[in-house]
């Protein structure tokens, strides 16, 4: 149905074919080739060579022209290529024809990304989402995979016990897709209940979003002391992770890490990961983490915004966190981009530089969820004084014989509690 790159004692030897159309694009063929190499490396493969192919019109049979097919065949015939990976999505018949002509396994970029996701998913939810994406990608590509999967006949009476392998596989996949969607719908329902409880308590939700390998998990660890696994690679985090974080005014918020984005993120993945991405759409604030040390950071920024637009979260209040400043030697070169990036702040999640500035920036952007109170409380309400210290920021407190004069900043949900308990106006 679909191919994977599987772990072997020896790395799978890969030929990358970068397919582009002949019109201007911010992603150059070299950019695409570099990202493809990183994807293959993340999947445990070894890129032996790269061939570039610019086409005006895609071939319905092979995607690319016969001349390029012959060039790729000659390269594969050298004997050190196990797999050809196309940077552009293939239809089932195109994949079959290329495999027949090239005599090696052929997959496309989406299949490569799906394989990486399958390797990194660890939770039950993550595994189900990856499986759903794989099956939905495979289903329309069943046709065209050889005579063993073609129909032997047609007409009345041929869809019973005599149905072919193609129809059997199609039905099994269809049934499994329905089952997975039902199970994921249950997870969405459970999440909705938890979200309602969070909303009732008015604890703000902050979602970390960004291009894969931008440093989101490192930032989550640095802010909350979480122990999310991190390494220099693509799609390290697939399973959503939420941790509580306390702002400088003692206000508690929830930070949620999400799956990393990539340019032209396969639509099947967006659909399959809707349950996870819903947290982004429901967040009170987004931290868009951007690797400022990457020369193509502007392209990465735009690619993430495209995904945010697709899931309906582009207009969310957002802080653009320019991360990895520790890896930038000349800090002056990116100052010019400030005017073109929304609400930026420069940090290093790795070294901790400017994390305090980021915390105060978050506090500022969430100020609409905070209220200031100036009340006189009965001396018996020391519980409210403790609450103000615990969940807010106390500006001043004065004790009298039978009263307490308190000025503090508190979560807005607590404002009514203090005003109700007040014995008089100050």
Protein backbone atom coordinates (compact mmCIF):
# COMPACT_ATOMS: atom_id res chain seq x y z
CA UNK A 1 0.00 0.00 0.00
CA UNK A 2 2.75 2.41 0.91
CA UNK A 3 6.47 2.18 1.54
CA UNK A 4 8.60 3.08 4.57
CA UNK A 5 12.29 3.48 5.15
CA UNK A 6 12.98 0.88 7.81
CA UNK A 7 15.79 0.75 10.32
CA UNK A 8 18.59 -1.49 9.12
CA UNK A 9 22.04 -2.44 10.30
CA UNK A 10 23.26 -0.38 7.36
CA UNK A 11 21.71 2.93 6.42
CA UNK A 12 19.37 2.84 3.46
CA UNK A 13 21.06 4.46 0.46
CA UNK A 14 18.89 7.22 -0.99
CA UNK A 15 18.75 9.22 -4.18
CA UNK A 16 16.73 12.43 -3.72
CA UNK A 17 14.94 13.82 -6.76
CA UNK A 18 13.96 17.48 -6.32
CA UNK A 19 11.00 18.24 -8.57
CA UNK A 20 10.05 21.88 -9.18
CA UNK A 21 7.90 23.75 -11.64
CA UNK A 22 9.26 26.54 -13.77
CA UNK A 23 7.93 29.57 -11.91
CA UNK A 24 9.39 31.76 -9.12
CA UNK A 25 9.20 30.34 -5.60
CA UNK A 26 10.66 31.51 -2.29
CA UNK A 27 11.82 27.92 -1.74
CA UNK A 28 14.67 27.36 -4.19
CA UNK A 29 15.53 23.86 -5.43
CA UNK A 30 18.60 23.99 -3.16
CA UNK A 31 16.38 24.83 -0.15
CA UNK A 32 14.12 21.88 -0.93
CA UNK A 33 17.12 19.59 -1.40
CA UNK A 34 18.56 20.60 1.98
CA UNK A 35 15.28 19.96 3.75
CA UNK A 36 14.90 16.60 1.99
CA UNK A 37 18.38 15.63 3.17
CA UNK A 38 17.44 16.53 6.75
CA UNK A 39 14.24 14.48 6.49
CA UNK A 40 16.13 11.46 5.16
CA UNK A 41 18.76 11.81 7.90
CA UNK A 42 16.02 11.99 10.56
CA UNK A 43 14.60 8.78 9.11
CA UNK A 44 17.95 7.00 9.30
CA UNK A 45 18.81 7.13 5.60
CA UNK A 46 21.97 8.16 3.77
CA UNK A 47 21.61 10.55 0.81
CA UNK A 48 24.06 9.39 -1.84
CA UNK A 49 23.10 11.88 -4.52
CA UNK A 50 20.55 14.54 -5.53
CA UNK A 51 19.07 15.09 -8.98
CA UNK A 52 17.18 18.29 -9.83
CA UNK A 53 14.23 18.21 -12.21
CA UNK A 54 12.36 21.31 -13.39
CA UNK A 55 9.15 20.64 -15.31
CA UNK A 56 6.55 22.81 -17.03
CA UNK A 57 3.79 20.19 -16.96
CA UNK A 58 3.68 17.07 -14.82
CA UNK A 59 3.59 13.74 -16.63
CA UNK A 60 0.46 11.74 -15.66
CA UNK A 61 2.40 8.49 -15.95
CA UNK A 62 5.71 9.35 -14.23
CA UNK A 63 5.35 12.93 -12.88
CA UNK A 64 8.62 13.81 -14.66
CA UNK A 65 9.74 13.48 -18.28
CA UNK A 66 11.22 10.34 -19.81
CA UNK A 67 14.63 11.96 -20.19
CA UNK A 68 14.90 12.51 -16.43
CA UNK A 69 13.59 9.00 -15.78
CA UNK A 70 16.44 7.65 -17.92
CA UNK A 71 18.98 9.85 -16.09
CA UNK A 72 17.74 8.58 -12.72
CA UNK A 73 17.84 4.97 -13.98
CA UNK A 74 21.48 5.35 -15.02
CA UNK A 75 22.32 6.76 -11.58
CA UNK A 76 20.47 3.94 -9.79
CA UNK A 77 22.14 1.34 -12.01
CA UNK A 78 25.49 2.27 -10.45
CA UNK A 79 24.40 -0.05 -7.66
CA UNK A 80 24.57 2.11 -4.52
CA UNK A 81 20.92 3.26 -4.44
CA UNK A 82 18.21 1.42 -2.49
CA UNK A 83 15.48 4.04 -2.62
CA UNK A 84 14.52 7.02 -4.76
CA UNK A 85 12.62 9.73 -2.89
CA UNK A 86 10.71 12.36 -4.87
CA UNK A 87 10.22 15.79 -3.32
CA UNK A 88 6.76 16.02 -4.91
CA UNK A 89 3.76 13.81 -4.10
CA UNK A 90 3.17 10.87 -6.42
CA UNK A 91 -0.06 9.27 -7.54
CA UNK A 92 -0.29 5.50 -7.25
CA UNK A 93 0.20 4.88 -10.97
CA UNK A 94 3.19 7.25 -11.09
CA UNK A 95 4.84 5.46 -8.19
CA UNK A 96 4.25 2.06 -9.78
CA UNK A 97 5.60 3.15 -13.18
CA UNK A 98 8.71 4.71 -11.66
CA UNK A 99 9.45 1.58 -9.62
CA UNK A 100 9.04 -0.59 -12.72
CA UNK A 101 11.36 1.61 -14.78
CA UNK A 102 13.97 2.38 -12.13
CA UNK A 103 14.07 -1.13 -10.58
CA UNK A 104 14.31 0.32 -7.06
CA UNK A 105 11.84 1.38 -4.39
CA UNK A 106 10.29 4.82 -4.98
CA UNK A 107 8.50 6.93 -2.37
CA UNK A 108 7.56 10.60 -2.09
CA UNK A 109 8.03 13.39 0.47
CA UNK A 110 4.74 12.76 2.24
CA UNK A 111 5.53 9.07 2.70
CA UNK A 112 8.92 10.04 4.09
CA UNK A 113 7.33 12.44 6.60
CA UNK A 114 4.73 9.83 7.57
CA UNK A 115 7.52 7.36 8.27
CA UNK A 116 9.25 9.86 10.56
CA UNK A 117 5.97 10.47 12.37
CA UNK A 118 5.47 6.72 12.78
CA UNK A 119 8.93 6.42 14.34
CA UNK A 120 8.44 9.29 16.80
CA UNK A 121 4.86 8.75 17.95
CA UNK A 122 4.88 7.30 21.46
CA UNK A 123 1.44 7.90 22.98
CA UNK A 124 -1.64 5.93 21.95
CA UNK A 125 -3.21 9.08 20.55
CA UNK A 126 -0.11 9.95 18.55
CA UNK A 127 0.10 6.45 17.09
CA UNK A 128 -3.57 6.50 16.11
CA UNK A 129 -3.19 9.90 14.43
CA UNK A 130 -0.18 8.72 12.44
CA UNK A 131 -1.93 5.50 11.41
CA UNK A 132 -4.97 7.49 10.29
CA UNK A 133 -2.78 9.78 8.19
CA UNK A 134 -1.00 6.79 6.63
CA UNK A 135 -4.22 5.01 5.75
CA UNK A 136 -5.92 8.10 4.34
CA UNK A 137 -2.82 8.71 2.22
CA UNK A 138 -2.70 5.08 1.05
CA UNK A 139 -6.39 4.58 0.22
CA UNK A 140 -6.58 6.60 -3.03
CA UNK A 141 -3.23 5.13 -4.11
CA UNK A 142 -4.28 1.48 -4.00
CA UNK A 143 -5.07 1.45 -7.68
CA UNK A 144 -2.15 1.16 -10.01
CA UNK A 145 0.00 -1.09 -7.87
CA UNK A 146 0.27 -4.02 -10.17
CA UNK A 147 -1.95 -6.66 -11.71
CA UNK A 148 -2.24 -8.49 -8.41
CA UNK A 149 -4.46 -5.65 -7.18
CA UNK A 150 -6.55 -5.18 -10.33
CA UNK A 151 -10.17 -6.24 -10.74
CA UNK A 152 -10.72 -9.61 -12.46
CA UNK A 153 -14.17 -8.69 -13.65
CA UNK A 154 -17.07 -6.40 -13.20
CA UNK A 155 -20.81 -6.26 -13.09
CA UNK A 156 -23.47 -7.99 -11.02
CA UNK A 157 -22.33 -10.72 -8.68
CA UNK A 158 -18.65 -9.83 -8.60
CA UNK A 159 -18.55 -7.97 -5.26
CA UNK A 160 -19.22 -10.98 -3.02
CA UNK A 161 -16.75 -13.73 -2.08
CA UNK A 162 -15.10 -13.32 -5.44
CA UNK A 163 -13.94 -9.75 -4.81
CA UNK A 164 -10.31 -9.08 -5.61
CA UNK A 165 -7.44 -8.18 -3.28
CA UNK A 166 -7.87 -4.51 -4.21
CA UNK A 167 -11.45 -4.40 -2.94
CA UNK A 168 -10.55 -6.41 0.16
CA UNK A 169 -7.74 -4.01 1.03
CA UNK A 170 -9.95 -1.01 0.30
CA UNK A 171 -12.67 -2.26 2.63
CA UNK A 172 -10.25 -3.13 5.42
CA UNK A 173 -8.61 0.27 5.20
CA UNK A 174 -11.98 2.03 5.08
CA UNK A 175 -13.20 0.18 8.16
CA UNK A 176 -9.99 0.92 10.05
CA UNK A 177 -10.22 4.63 9.15
CA UNK A 178 -13.76 4.76 10.57
CA UNK A 179 -12.60 3.03 13.78
CA UNK A 180 -9.66 5.41 14.22
CA UNK A 181 -11.83 8.48 13.63
CA UNK A 182 -14.33 7.26 16.23
CA UNK A 183 -11.58 6.70 18.82
CA UNK A 184 -10.02 10.08 18.10
CA UNK A 185 -13.45 11.71 18.38
CA UNK A 186 -13.66 10.30 21.92
CA UNK A 187 -10.31 11.91 22.70
CA UNK A 188 -11.56 15.23 21.29
CA UNK A 189 -14.66 14.93 23.51
CA UNK A 190 -12.54 14.25 26.61
CA UNK A 191 -10.32 17.20 25.72
CA UNK A 192 -13.39 19.42 25.44
CA UNK A 193 -14.40 18.49 29.01
CA UNK A 194 -10.93 19.30 30.31
CA UNK A 195 -10.88 22.55 28.33
CA UNK A 196 -14.24 23.54 29.86
CA UNK A 197 -12.80 23.00 33.35
CA UNK A 198 -9.77 25.12 32.46
CA UNK A 199 -11.95 27.86 31.02
CA UNK A 200 -14.15 27.84 34.13
CA UNK A 201 -11.05 28.34 36.27
CA UNK A 202 -9.81 31.01 33.80
CA UNK A 203 -6.30 29.55 33.62
CA UNK A 204 -4.82 30.89 30.33
CA UNK A 205 -3.61 28.38 27.73
CA UNK A 206 -0.45 29.28 25.81
CA UNK A 207 0.46 27.10 22.81
CA UNK A 208 3.98 26.84 21.46
CA UNK A 209 3.99 26.63 17.67
CA UNK A 210 6.78 26.78 15.13
CA UNK A 211 8.71 25.11 12.36
CA UNK A 212 10.08 21.72 13.25
CA UNK A 213 13.41 21.94 15.10
CA UNK A 214 12.84 25.59 16.08
CA UNK A 215 13.41 24.77 19.76
CA UNK A 216 9.86 24.60 21.14
CA UNK A 217 10.52 21.64 23.44
CA UNK A 218 13.75 23.22 24.69
CA UNK A 219 11.81 26.39 25.52
CA UNK A 220 9.10 24.40 27.32
CA UNK A 221 11.78 22.65 29.38
CA UNK A 222 13.53 25.93 30.18
CA UNK A 223 10.36 27.68 31.34
CA UNK A 224 8.65 24.86 33.24
CA UNK A 225 11.36 22.38 34.19
CA UNK A 226 9.69 19.72 32.05
CA UNK A 227 11.82 16.88 30.75
CA UNK A 228 10.56 16.72 27.19
CA UNK A 229 13.02 14.80 24.98
CA UNK A 230 14.95 17.11 22.66
CA UNK A 231 17.60 16.64 20.01
CA UNK A 232 18.73 18.35 16.83
CA UNK A 233 16.35 16.73 14.38
CA UNK A 234 12.99 17.13 12.68
CA UNK A 235 9.67 16.25 14.32
CA UNK A 236 11.10 15.30 17.73
CA UNK A 237 7.76 16.16 19.35
CA UNK A 238 4.52 14.61 18.09
CA UNK A 239 2.60 14.05 21.30
CA UNK A 240 1.09 17.14 22.88
CA UNK A 241 2.61 18.00 26.28
CA UNK A 242 1.14 20.55 28.70
CA UNK A 243 2.84 21.96 31.79
CA UNK A 244 1.92 24.63 34.34
CA UNK A 245 4.00 27.81 34.37
CA UNK A 246 3.92 30.68 36.88
CA UNK A 247 4.35 34.23 35.58
CA UNK A 248 6.24 36.96 37.49
CA UNK A 249 2.95 38.20 39.03
CA UNK A 250 2.29 34.65 40.31
CA UNK A 251 -0.44 34.12 37.70
CA UNK A 252 -0.59 30.48 36.64
CA UNK A 253 -0.83 29.54 32.97
CA UNK A 254 -0.65 26.29 30.99
CA UNK A 255 2.06 25.94 28.34
CA UNK A 256 1.33 23.38 25.62
CA UNK A 257 3.91 22.03 23.17
CA UNK A 258 2.64 20.87 19.77
CA UNK A 259 3.82 19.01 16.71
CA UNK A 260 6.28 21.02 14.63
CA UNK A 261 5.21 22.42 11.27
CA UNK A 262 6.94 22.20 7.91
CA UNK A 263 6.39 23.97 4.62
CA UNK A 264 3.64 22.30 2.61
CA UNK A 265 2.70 20.17 5.62
CA UNK A 266 0.82 17.21 4.10
CA UNK A 267 -2.91 17.86 4.35
CA UNK A 268 -3.49 14.29 5.56
CA UNK A 269 -1.37 15.10 8.62
CA UNK A 270 -3.29 18.29 9.36
CA UNK A 271 -6.55 16.34 9.14
CA UNK A 272 -5.26 13.46 11.28
CA UNK A 273 -3.76 15.75 13.93
CA UNK A 274 -6.85 17.95 14.26
CA UNK A 275 -7.36 16.72 17.82
CA UNK A 276 -3.89 17.96 18.78
CA UNK A 277 -4.02 21.13 16.70
CA UNK A 278 -7.34 22.11 18.29
CA UNK A 279 -5.34 23.24 21.32
CA UNK A 280 -3.63 25.79 19.10
CA UNK A 281 -6.95 27.11 17.83
CA UNK A 282 -8.33 27.32 21.40
CA UNK A 283 -5.26 28.95 22.97
CA UNK A 284 -5.39 32.39 24.60
CA UNK A 285 -1.89 33.20 23.32
CA UNK A 286 0.54 31.66 20.83
CA UNK A 287 4.31 31.62 21.16
CA UNK A 288 5.56 31.30 17.59
CA UNK A 289 9.10 29.97 18.09
CA UNK A 290 11.40 30.82 15.19
CA UNK A 291 14.99 29.65 14.66
CA UNK A 292 16.65 33.00 14.04
CA UNK A 293 20.00 31.33 13.32
CA UNK A 294 18.56 29.79 10.15
CA UNK A 295 19.34 31.95 7.09
CA UNK A 296 15.91 31.02 5.72
CA UNK A 297 14.11 32.05 8.92
CA UNK A 298 11.72 34.34 7.02
CA UNK A 299 10.62 31.40 4.84
CA UNK A 300 10.10 29.28 7.96
CA UNK A 301 8.06 32.08 9.54
CA UNK A 302 5.79 32.32 6.50
CA UNK A 303 5.41 28.53 6.27
CA UNK A 304 4.18 28.32 9.88
CA UNK A 305 1.73 31.15 9.28
CA UNK A 306 0.31 29.25 6.31
CA UNK A 307 -0.47 26.28 8.56
CA UNK A 308 -1.90 28.56 11.26
CA UNK A 309 -4.16 30.08 8.62
CA UNK A 310 -5.35 26.63 7.55
CA UNK A 311 -6.33 25.65 11.10
CA UNK A 312 -7.96 29.02 11.81
CA UNK A 313 -5.39 30.31 14.30
CA UNK A 314 -3.53 33.00 12.33
CA UNK A 315 -5.38 35.87 14.01
CA UNK A 316 -4.66 34.61 17.54
CA UNK A 317 -2.67 36.94 19.86
CA UNK A 318 0.92 35.93 19.15
CA UNK A 319 4.43 36.60 20.39
CA UNK A 320 7.13 35.72 17.86
CA UNK A 321 9.97 34.18 19.86
CA UNK A 322 13.21 34.57 17.91
CA UNK A 323 15.12 31.61 19.37
CA UNK A 324 18.73 30.35 19.13
CA UNK A 325 20.33 33.77 19.43
CA UNK A 326 23.27 31.93 21.02
CA UNK A 327 24.01 30.41 17.57
CA UNK A 328 24.16 33.82 15.83
CA UNK A 329 27.62 35.38 15.59
CA UNK A 330 26.58 38.69 14.01
CA UNK A 331 23.46 39.81 15.88
CA UNK A 332 23.06 42.92 13.77
CA UNK A 333 22.02 41.16 10.59
CA UNK A 334 18.50 40.24 11.71
CA UNK A 335 17.59 43.60 13.28
CA UNK A 336 16.12 44.69 9.96
CA UNK A 337 13.46 41.97 10.06
CA UNK A 338 11.83 43.34 13.23
CA UNK A 339 9.52 45.54 11.20
CA UNK A 340 8.29 42.57 9.16
CA UNK A 341 7.68 40.13 12.03
CA UNK A 342 4.77 40.40 14.42
CA UNK A 343 5.49 41.17 18.09
CA UNK A 344 9.10 39.81 18.20
CA UNK A 345 11.35 39.07 21.15
CA UNK A 346 14.88 37.58 20.99
CA UNK A 347 15.85 34.72 23.31
CA UNK A 348 17.98 31.63 23.71
CA UNK A 349 16.05 28.72 25.20
CA UNK A 350 19.35 26.83 25.43
CA UNK A 351 21.27 29.40 27.53
CA UNK A 352 18.28 31.12 29.15
CA UNK A 353 19.08 34.52 27.67
CA UNK A 354 16.08 36.90 27.86
CA UNK A 355 13.70 34.29 29.26
CA UNK A 356 12.81 36.79 31.99
CA UNK A 357 12.00 39.36 29.30
CA UNK A 358 9.79 36.80 27.57
CA UNK A 359 7.97 36.07 30.84
CA UNK A 360 7.14 39.76 31.31
CA UNK A 361 6.08 40.00 27.66
CA UNK A 362 3.66 37.10 28.18
CA UNK A 363 2.36 38.84 31.31
CA UNK A 364 1.81 42.03 29.33
CA UNK A 365 -0.03 40.25 26.50
CA UNK A 366 -2.30 38.45 28.98
CA UNK A 367 -3.03 41.60 30.98
CA UNK A 368 -6.65 41.56 29.80
CA UNK A 369 -7.12 38.43 31.95
CA UNK A 370 -5.87 40.21 35.10
CA UNK A 371 -7.71 42.65 37.42
CA UNK A 372 -6.37 45.05 40.04
CA UNK A 373 -8.20 45.20 43.35
CA UNK A 374 -8.02 47.85 46.06
CA UNK A 375 -10.13 46.61 48.98
CA UNK A 376 -10.49 46.71 52.74
CA UNK A 377 -11.05 43.19 54.08
CA UNK A 378 -12.10 41.98 57.54
CA UNK A 379 -9.13 40.88 59.65
CA UNK A 380 -10.68 37.40 59.64
CA UNK A 381 -10.09 36.99 55.88
CA UNK A 382 -6.42 36.07 56.00
CA UNK A 383 -7.32 33.29 53.56
CA UNK A 384 -7.80 35.94 50.87
CA UNK A 385 -4.45 37.51 51.74
CA UNK A 386 -2.82 34.10 51.25
CA UNK A 387 -4.71 33.67 47.97
CA UNK A 388 -3.48 37.06 46.74
CA UNK A 389 0.12 36.11 47.50
CA UNK A 390 -0.31 32.68 45.94
CA UNK A 391 -2.08 33.57 42.70
CA UNK A 392 -1.41 37.26 42.22
CA UNK A 393 0.99 40.10 42.86
CA UNK A 394 0.54 42.09 46.08
CA UNK A 395 1.40 45.79 45.69
CA UNK A 396 0.70 46.86 49.24
CA UNK A 397 -0.88 45.50 52.40
CA UNK A 398 -1.64 47.37 55.63
CA UNK A 399 -3.03 45.85 58.82
CA UNK A 400 -5.31 47.77 61.20
CA UNK A 401 -7.17 46.67 64.32
CA UNK A 402 -9.99 44.90 62.56
CA UNK A 403 -9.22 45.45 58.87
CA UNK A 404 -6.72 44.74 56.11
CA UNK A 405 -6.14 47.23 53.30
CA UNK A 406 -4.99 45.23 50.26
CA UNK A 407 -3.90 46.36 46.82
CA UNK A 408 -3.07 43.53 44.42
CA UNK A 409 -3.15 42.23 40.87
CA UNK A 410 -5.17 39.02 40.56
CA UNK A 411 -6.58 36.68 37.92
CA UNK A 412 -9.84 38.30 36.79
CA UNK A 413 -11.81 35.25 37.92
CA UNK A 414 -10.87 36.08 41.55
CA UNK A 415 -11.91 39.74 41.44
CA UNK A 416 -15.52 39.11 42.48
CA UNK A 417 -14.43 37.02 45.47
CA UNK A 418 -12.43 39.94 46.95
CA UNK A 419 -15.06 42.56 46.20
CA UNK A 420 -17.76 40.43 47.81
CA UNK A 421 -15.68 39.98 50.96
CA UNK A 422 -14.79 43.68 51.25
CA UNK A 423 -16.21 45.35 54.36
CA UNK A 424 -15.90 48.90 52.96
CA UNK A 425 -14.27 50.98 50.27
CA UNK A 426 -10.72 52.21 50.99
